[in-house]
Amino acid sequence: RVAGLVGGIIGVSFGCTLGLVNLFFVDEQKANMLKLQALEDGQEFEFEVEIDNTINPGLTTVLVRGPDIDGVLASITATLASHGCSIVKLDAGLRGGDGV
């Protein structure tokens, strides 16, 4: 019983140590710089946002036009939810190479 407990403690300690050691080798500034370079390489991020309270009675319509970029829809919905907004209806698609 004691051997099992000691073995479990050693196993968990070794596993956690092994999982965390790689964090010492991560260069945060280089990772951020690579992300910024990826965003700047020939991509223009021009978004157009229209907000209208007259299209649907009792609802606010938010229309976002911009380039098709991974994660934009998730970011928008997460931001709206964090501010207490509920999404009643969502339409997403591509028009002329840009997301709508």
N, C-alpha and C. Protein backbone atom coordinates (compact mmCIF):
# COMPACT_ATOMS: atom_id res chain seq x y z
N ARG A 1 0.83 -1.20 0.00
CA ARG A 1 0.00 0.00 0.00
C ARG A 1 0.88 1.26 0.00
N VAL A 2 1.90 1.28 0.84
CA VAL A 2 2.82 2.43 0.89
C VAL A 2 3.57 2.55 -0.42
N ALA A 3 3.97 1.42 -0.98
CA ALA A 3 4.71 1.46 -2.25
C ALA A 3 3.83 2.04 -3.36
N GLY A 4 2.55 1.70 -3.36
CA GLY A 4 1.63 2.25 -4.36
C GLY A 4 1.46 3.75 -4.21
N LEU A 5 1.35 4.21 -2.98
CA LEU A 5 1.21 5.64 -2.71
C LEU A 5 2.46 6.40 -3.15
N VAL A 6 3.64 5.87 -2.76
CA VAL A 6 4.90 6.52 -3.14
C VAL A 6 5.07 6.50 -4.65
N GLY A 7 4.72 5.37 -5.28
CA GLY A 7 4.81 5.27 -6.75
C GLY A 7 3.90 6.27 -7.43
N GLY A 8 2.69 6.44 -6.89
CA GLY A 8 1.76 7.41 -7.45
C GLY A 8 2.26 8.83 -7.32
N ILE A 9 2.80 9.16 -6.16
CA ILE A 9 3.36 10.51 -5.93
C ILE A 9 4.51 10.78 -6.88
N ILE A 10 5.40 9.80 -7.01
CA ILE A 10 6.56 9.97 -7.90
C ILE A 10 6.08 10.09 -9.34
N GLY A 11 5.10 9.27 -9.74
CA GLY A 11 4.60 9.32 -11.12
C GLY A 11 3.95 10.65 -11.45
N VAL A 12 3.12 11.16 -10.54
CA VAL A 12 2.46 12.44 -10.78
C VAL A 12 3.49 13.56 -10.82
N SER A 13 4.44 13.54 -9.88
CA SER A 13 5.49 14.57 -9.85
C SER A 13 6.31 14.55 -11.14
N PHE A 14 6.69 13.36 -11.59
CA PHE A 14 7.49 13.25 -12.80
C PHE A 14 6.69 13.72 -14.01
N GLY A 15 5.44 13.31 -14.09
CA GLY A 15 4.59 13.71 -15.22
C GLY A 15 4.38 15.22 -15.29
N CYS A 16 4.12 15.83 -14.15
CA CYS A 16 3.93 17.29 -14.13
C CYS A 16 5.22 18.02 -14.49
N THR A 17 6.33 17.55 -13.96
CA THR A 17 7.62 18.16 -14.27
C THR A 17 7.92 18.05 -15.76
N LEU A 18 7.70 16.88 -16.31
CA LEU A 18 7.96 16.66 -17.73
C LEU A 18 7.05 17.56 -18.59
N GLY A 19 5.80 17.74 -18.19
CA GLY A 19 4.88 18.58 -18.94
C GLY A 19 5.21 20.06 -18.87
N LEU A 20 5.81 20.49 -17.76
CA LEU A 20 6.08 21.92 -17.58
C LEU A 20 7.47 22.36 -18.03
N VAL A 21 8.38 21.42 -18.21
CA VAL A 21 9.75 21.77 -18.60
C VAL A 21 9.77 22.51 -19.93
N ASN A 22 8.90 22.11 -20.87
CA ASN A 22 8.92 22.75 -22.19
C ASN A 22 8.56 24.23 -22.12
N LEU A 23 7.89 24.67 -21.06
CA LEU A 23 7.54 26.09 -20.94
C LEU A 23 8.77 26.97 -20.73
N PHE A 24 9.84 26.38 -20.22
CA PHE A 24 11.08 27.15 -20.04
C PHE A 24 11.72 27.50 -21.38
N PHE A 25 11.37 26.77 -22.43
CA PHE A 25 12.00 26.96 -23.73
C PHE A 25 11.15 27.76 -24.71
N VAL A 26 10.00 28.23 -24.30
CA VAL A 26 9.12 29.01 -25.17
C VAL A 26 9.58 30.47 -25.16
N ASP A 27 9.81 31.00 -26.34
CA ASP A 27 10.21 32.40 -26.48
C ASP A 27 8.95 33.21 -26.80
N GLU A 28 8.37 33.83 -25.78
CA GLU A 28 7.10 34.55 -25.95
C GLU A 28 7.20 35.71 -26.93
N GLN A 29 8.28 36.46 -26.86
CA GLN A 29 8.41 37.62 -27.76
C GLN A 29 8.51 37.17 -29.20
N LYS A 30 9.24 36.08 -29.45
CA LYS A 30 9.36 35.59 -30.81
C LYS A 30 8.01 35.08 -31.31
N ALA A 31 7.26 34.40 -30.46
CA ALA A 31 5.94 33.90 -30.85
C ALA A 31 5.01 35.06 -31.20
N ASN A 32 5.00 36.11 -30.37
CA ASN A 32 4.16 37.28 -30.66
C ASN A 32 4.59 37.97 -31.94
N MET A 33 5.89 38.04 -32.16
CA MET A 33 6.41 38.69 -33.36
C MET A 33 6.02 37.90 -34.61
N LEU A 34 6.07 36.57 -34.53
CA LEU A 34 5.67 35.76 -35.67
C LEU A 34 4.18 35.93 -35.97
N LYS A 35 3.37 36.05 -34.92
CA LYS A 35 1.94 36.27 -35.12
C LYS A 35 1.70 37.61 -35.81
N LEU A 36 2.40 38.65 -35.37
CA LEU A 36 2.24 39.96 -35.98
C LEU A 36 2.71 39.96 -37.43
N GLN A 37 3.81 39.27 -37.71
CA GLN A 37 4.30 39.19 -39.08
C GLN A 37 3.30 38.48 -39.97
N ALA A 38 2.67 37.44 -39.45
CA ALA A 38 1.67 36.71 -40.23
C ALA A 38 0.49 37.61 -40.55
N LEU A 39 0.14 38.50 -39.62
CA LEU A 39 -0.98 39.41 -39.86
C LEU A 39 -0.62 40.50 -40.86
N GLU A 40 0.65 40.89 -40.91
CA GLU A 40 1.05 42.01 -41.76
C GLU A 40 1.40 41.60 -43.18
N ASP A 41 1.71 40.34 -43.41
CA ASP A 41 2.17 39.90 -44.73
C ASP A 41 1.05 39.94 -45.77
N GLY A 42 0.88 41.10 -46.37
CA GLY A 42 -0.03 41.25 -47.49
C GLY A 42 -1.51 41.19 -47.15
N GLN A 43 -1.86 41.24 -45.90
CA GLN A 43 -3.26 41.18 -45.53
C GLN A 43 -3.71 42.53 -45.00
N GLU A 44 -4.83 42.96 -45.50
CA GLU A 44 -5.41 44.20 -44.99
C GLU A 44 -6.64 43.83 -44.19
N PHE A 45 -6.73 44.33 -42.98
CA PHE A 45 -7.84 44.01 -42.11
C PHE A 45 -8.76 45.21 -41.98
N GLU A 46 -9.54 45.40 -42.99
CA GLU A 46 -10.50 46.50 -42.97
C GLU A 46 -11.87 45.92 -42.73
N PHE A 47 -12.43 46.23 -41.58
CA PHE A 47 -13.76 45.76 -41.24
C PHE A 47 -14.73 46.92 -41.26
N GLU A 48 -15.93 46.62 -41.68
CA GLU A 48 -17.00 47.61 -41.70
C GLU A 48 -18.12 47.06 -40.82
N VAL A 49 -18.56 47.85 -39.84
CA VAL A 49 -19.58 47.40 -38.89
C VAL A 49 -20.77 48.35 -38.97
N GLU A 50 -21.95 47.76 -39.17
CA GLU A 50 -23.19 48.54 -39.19
C GLU A 50 -24.09 48.03 -38.06
N ILE A 51 -24.64 48.93 -37.27
CA ILE A 51 -25.55 48.57 -36.19
C ILE A 51 -26.87 49.28 -36.44
N ASP A 52 -27.96 48.49 -36.42
CA ASP A 52 -29.27 49.04 -36.76
C ASP A 52 -30.33 48.49 -35.81
N ASN A 53 -31.17 49.37 -35.28
CA ASN A 53 -32.26 48.96 -34.40
C ASN A 53 -33.61 48.96 -35.10
N THR A 54 -33.65 49.28 -36.41
CA THR A 54 -34.93 49.41 -37.09
C THR A 54 -35.27 48.22 -37.98
N ILE A 55 -34.32 47.38 -38.30
CA ILE A 55 -34.57 46.25 -39.21
C ILE A 55 -35.52 45.24 -38.57
N ASN A 56 -35.24 44.85 -37.33
CA ASN A 56 -36.08 43.90 -36.58
C ASN A 56 -36.56 44.57 -35.31
N PRO A 57 -37.87 44.66 -35.11
CA PRO A 57 -38.39 45.31 -33.90
C PRO A 57 -37.94 44.55 -32.64
N GLY A 58 -37.42 45.27 -31.68
CA GLY A 58 -37.00 44.68 -30.41
C GLY A 58 -35.62 44.05 -30.44
N LEU A 59 -34.96 44.09 -31.58
CA LEU A 59 -33.63 43.50 -31.71
C LEU A 59 -32.65 44.51 -32.30
N THR A 60 -31.40 44.32 -32.03
CA THR A 60 -30.35 45.13 -32.65
C THR A 60 -29.63 44.27 -33.67
N THR A 61 -29.55 44.76 -34.89
CA THR A 61 -28.87 44.03 -35.96
C THR A 61 -27.45 44.56 -36.07
N VAL A 62 -26.48 43.64 -36.07
CA VAL A 62 -25.07 44.00 -36.23
C VAL A 62 -24.59 43.32 -37.51
N LEU A 63 -24.15 44.12 -38.48
CA LEU A 63 -23.64 43.62 -39.74
C LEU A 63 -22.15 43.93 -39.80
N VAL A 64 -21.35 42.88 -39.96
CA VAL A 64 -19.90 43.03 -40.02
C VAL A 64 -19.42 42.55 -41.38
N ARG A 65 -18.70 43.39 -42.09
CA ARG A 65 -18.11 43.03 -43.37
C ARG A 65 -16.60 43.13 -43.23
N GLY A 66 -15.90 42.13 -43.76
CA GLY A 66 -14.45 42.16 -43.70
C GLY A 66 -13.86 40.92 -44.32
N PRO A 67 -12.56 40.80 -44.27
CA PRO A 67 -11.89 39.65 -44.88
C PRO A 67 -12.20 38.36 -44.11
N ASP A 68 -12.10 37.25 -44.81
CA ASP A 68 -12.35 35.94 -44.23
C ASP A 68 -11.12 35.52 -43.42
N ILE A 69 -11.21 35.65 -42.11
CA ILE A 69 -10.09 35.35 -41.21
C ILE A 69 -10.58 34.36 -40.16
N ASP A 70 -9.80 33.32 -39.91
CA ASP A 70 -10.16 32.33 -38.90
C ASP A 70 -10.33 32.98 -37.54
N GLY A 71 -11.43 32.66 -36.88
CA GLY A 71 -11.65 33.10 -35.51
C GLY A 71 -12.38 34.41 -35.35
N VAL A 72 -12.69 35.11 -36.43
CA VAL A 72 -13.37 36.41 -36.31
C VAL A 72 -14.77 36.24 -35.74
N LEU A 73 -15.51 35.28 -36.27
CA LEU A 73 -16.87 35.06 -35.79
C LEU A 73 -16.87 34.63 -34.32
N ALA A 74 -15.95 33.77 -33.95
CA ALA A 74 -15.85 33.34 -32.55
C ALA A 74 -15.51 34.51 -31.64
N SER A 75 -14.63 35.39 -32.09
CA SER A 75 -14.26 36.55 -31.28
C SER A 75 -15.44 37.50 -31.10
N ILE A 76 -16.19 37.71 -32.17
CA ILE A 76 -17.33 38.62 -32.10
C ILE A 76 -18.39 38.06 -31.15
N THR A 77 -18.73 36.78 -31.32
CA THR A 77 -19.77 36.19 -30.47
C THR A 77 -19.34 36.13 -29.02
N ALA A 78 -18.07 35.83 -28.76
CA ALA A 78 -17.57 35.79 -27.37
C ALA A 78 -17.62 37.17 -26.74
N THR A 79 -17.27 38.20 -27.50
CA THR A 79 -17.31 39.57 -26.98
C THR A 79 -18.74 40.00 -26.67
N LEU A 80 -19.66 39.69 -27.57
CA LEU A 80 -21.06 40.03 -27.32
C LEU A 80 -21.59 39.29 -26.08
N ALA A 81 -21.26 38.02 -25.96
CA ALA A 81 -21.73 37.23 -24.80
C ALA A 81 -21.12 37.75 -23.50
N SER A 82 -19.87 38.17 -23.54
CA SER A 82 -19.24 38.67 -22.31
C SER A 82 -19.84 39.99 -21.84
N HIS A 83 -20.53 40.68 -22.76
CA HIS A 83 -21.22 41.92 -22.40
C HIS A 83 -22.71 41.70 -22.15
N GLY A 84 -23.11 40.44 -22.02
CA GLY A 84 -24.49 40.12 -21.68
C GLY A 84 -25.46 40.13 -22.84
N CYS A 85 -24.98 40.13 -24.06
CA CYS A 85 -25.85 40.13 -25.23
C CYS A 85 -26.18 38.68 -25.64
N SER A 86 -27.40 38.47 -26.07
CA SER A 86 -27.82 37.17 -26.58
C SER A 86 -27.92 37.24 -28.09
N ILE A 87 -27.46 36.20 -28.75
CA ILE A 87 -27.56 36.14 -30.21
C ILE A 87 -28.81 35.35 -30.54
N VAL A 88 -29.77 36.01 -31.19
CA VAL A 88 -31.04 35.38 -31.53
C VAL A 88 -30.95 34.69 -32.88
N LYS A 89 -30.29 35.33 -33.83
CA LYS A 89 -30.15 34.78 -35.18
C LYS A 89 -28.78 35.16 -35.71
N LEU A 90 -28.16 34.24 -36.44
CA LEU A 90 -26.84 34.49 -36.98
C LEU A 90 -26.78 34.00 -38.42
N ASP A 91 -26.40 34.87 -39.32
CA ASP A 91 -26.17 34.51 -40.72
C ASP A 91 -24.72 34.85 -41.03
N ALA A 92 -24.01 33.89 -41.61
CA ALA A 92 -22.62 34.13 -41.98
C ALA A 92 -22.39 33.58 -43.37
N GLY A 93 -21.55 34.24 -44.14
CA GLY A 93 -21.26 33.77 -45.48
C GLY A 93 -20.15 34.58 -46.12
N LEU A 94 -19.83 34.22 -47.35
CA LEU A 94 -18.80 34.93 -48.10
C LEU A 94 -19.44 35.62 -49.30
N ARG A 95 -18.99 36.83 -49.53
CA ARG A 95 -19.44 37.61 -50.70
C ARG A 95 -18.23 38.26 -51.33
N GLY A 96 -17.93 37.92 -52.54
CA GLY A 96 -16.84 38.56 -53.26
C GLY A 96 -15.50 38.46 -52.56
N GLY A 97 -15.23 37.33 -51.89
CA GLY A 97 -13.95 37.14 -51.22
C GLY A 97 -13.91 37.68 -49.81
N ASP A 98 -14.90 38.46 -49.42
CA ASP A 98 -14.94 39.00 -48.06
C ASP A 98 -16.05 38.32 -47.31
N GLY A 99 -15.86 38.18 -46.02
CA GLY A 99 -16.90 37.61 -45.18
C GLY A 99 -17.95 38.65 -44.85
N VAL A 100 -19.19 38.19 -44.73
CA VAL A 100 -20.30 39.07 -44.37
C VAL A 100 -21.02 38.44 -43.20
